[in-house]
C-alpha atoms as a PDB file:
ATOM      1  CA  MET A   1      -3.762  -6.671  21.324  1.00  0.00           C
ATOM      2  CA  GLN A   2      -7.281  -5.401  20.674  1.00  0.00           C
ATOM      3  CA  GLU A   3      -8.729  -5.639  17.198  1.00  0.00           C
ATOM      4  CA  GLY A   4      -8.216  -2.400  15.256  1.00  0.00           C
ATOM      5  CA  LYS A   5      -5.301  -1.292  17.450  1.00  0.00           C
ATOM      6  CA  VAL A   6      -1.700  -1.083  16.270  1.00  0.00           C
ATOM      7  CA  ALA A   7       1.063  -1.393  18.847  1.00  0.00           C
ATOM      8  CA  GLY A   8       4.346   0.469  18.985  1.00  0.00           C
ATOM      9  CA  GLU A   9       5.994   3.816  18.873  1.00  0.00           C
ATOM     10  CA  VAL A  10       7.233   5.591  15.771  1.00  0.00           C
ATOM     11  CA  SER A  11      10.144   8.000  15.739  1.00  0.00           C
ATOM     12  CA  ILE A  12       9.591  11.158  13.697  1.00  0.00           C
ATOM     13  CA  SER A  13      12.986  12.679  14.506  1.00  0.00           C
ATOM     14  CA  ASN A  14      14.336  12.172  10.985  1.00  0.00           C
ATOM     15  CA  LEU A  15      11.103  13.459   9.451  1.00  0.00           C
ATOM     16  CA  LYS A  16      11.269  16.606  11.568  1.00  0.00           C
ATOM     17  CA  ARG A  17      14.946  17.230  10.856  1.00  0.00           C
ATOM     18  CA  SER A  18      14.626  16.613   7.102  1.00  0.00           C
ATOM     19  CA  PHE A  19      11.464  18.676   6.679  1.00  0.00           C
ATOM     20  CA  VAL A  20      12.818  21.661   8.609  1.00  0.00           C
ATOM     21  CA  LYS A  21      16.087  21.543   6.665  1.00  0.00           C
ATOM     22  CA  LYS A  22      14.266  21.453   3.327  1.00  0.00           C
ATOM     23  CA  PHE A  23      11.419  23.860   4.200  1.00  0.00           C
ATOM     24  CA  PRO A  24      12.650  26.124   7.035  1.00  0.00           C
ATOM     25  CA  ASN A  25      10.020  28.812   6.422  1.00  0.00           C
ATOM     26  CA  SER A  26       7.066  26.448   6.333  1.00  0.00           C
ATOM     27  CA  ARG A  27       4.368  26.808   8.966  1.00  0.00           C
ATOM     28  CA  LEU A  28       4.364  23.031   9.157  1.00  0.00           C
ATOM     29  CA  ALA A  29       8.046  23.096  10.179  1.00  0.00           C
ATOM     30  CA  ALA A  30       7.094  25.090  13.267  1.00  0.00           C
ATOM     31  CA  VAL A  31       4.311  22.619  14.047  1.00  0.00           C
ATOM     32  CA  LEU A  32       6.544  19.582  13.589  1.00  0.00           C
ATOM     33  CA  LEU A  33       9.201  21.022  15.881  1.00  0.00           C
ATOM     34  CA  ARG A  34       6.624  21.198  18.662  1.00  0.00           C
ATOM     35  CA  GLU A  35       5.752  17.513  18.269  1.00  0.00           C
ATOM     36  CA  PRO A  36       7.479  14.879  20.409  1.00  0.00           C
ATOM     37  CA  ASP A  37      10.259  12.902  18.737  1.00  0.00           C
ATOM     38  CA  SER A  38       8.238   9.703  18.998  1.00  0.00           C
ATOM     39  CA  MET A  39       4.555   8.873  19.221  1.00  0.00           C
ATOM     40  CA  SER A  40       2.203   5.956  18.892  1.00  0.00           C
ATOM     41  CA  VAL A  41       1.164   4.798  15.449  1.00  0.00           C
ATOM     42  CA  GLU A  42      -2.386   5.933  16.231  1.00  0.00           C
ATOM     43  CA  GLU A  43      -1.186   9.446  17.090  1.00  0.00           C
ATOM     44  CA  LEU A  44       0.912   9.623  13.922  1.00  0.00           C
ATOM     45  CA  ILE A  45      -2.011   8.609  11.749  1.00  0.00           C
ATOM     46  CA  GLY A  46      -4.267  11.136  13.466  1.00  0.00           C
ATOM     47  CA  LYS A  47      -1.790  13.996  13.142  1.00  0.00           C
ATOM     48  CA  THR A  48      -0.966  13.270   9.514  1.00  0.00           C
ATOM     49  CA  GLY A  49      -4.356  14.582   8.401  1.00  0.00           C
ATOM     50  CA  THR A  50      -3.765  17.865  10.210  1.00  0.00           C
ATOM     51  CA  TRP A  51      -0.268  18.187   8.773  1.00  0.00           C
ATOM     52  CA  LEU A  52      -1.641  17.671   5.262  1.00  0.00           C
ATOM     53  CA  VAL A  53      -4.065  20.557   5.798  1.00  0.00           C
ATOM     54  CA  PHE A  54      -1.098  22.804   6.630  1.00  0.00           C
ATOM     55  CA  LEU A  55       0.639  21.750   3.411  1.00  0.00           C
ATOM     56  CA  GLN A  56      -2.478  22.276   1.289  1.00  0.00           C
ATOM     57  CA  THR A  57      -3.083  25.699   2.824  1.00  0.00           C
ATOM     58  CA  GLU A  58       0.513  26.779   2.209  1.00  0.00           C
ATOM     59  CA  GLY A  59       0.258  25.706  -1.423  1.00  0.00           C
ATOM     60  CA  ARG A  60      -2.817  27.896  -1.918  1.00  0.00           C
ATOM     61  CA  ASP A  61      -1.240  30.840  -0.102  1.00  0.00           C
ATOM     62  CA  GLU A  62       1.762  30.813  -2.442  1.00  0.00           C
ATOM     63  CA  LYS A  63      -0.345  31.185  -5.599  1.00  0.00           C
END
């Protein structure tokens, strides 16, 4: 394995199911449903930043 690389796939199926059940009207729910059920650790880390922006934006929109 190369230095700085993390091997393996991560399942986000439970994350998707739980988030959509808890927040069905969230814009992030729609985004998560379009994501594959599993992805590399690198992809997950990269996408997490984008997902957090969705959450922060929704919080501001509700005020």
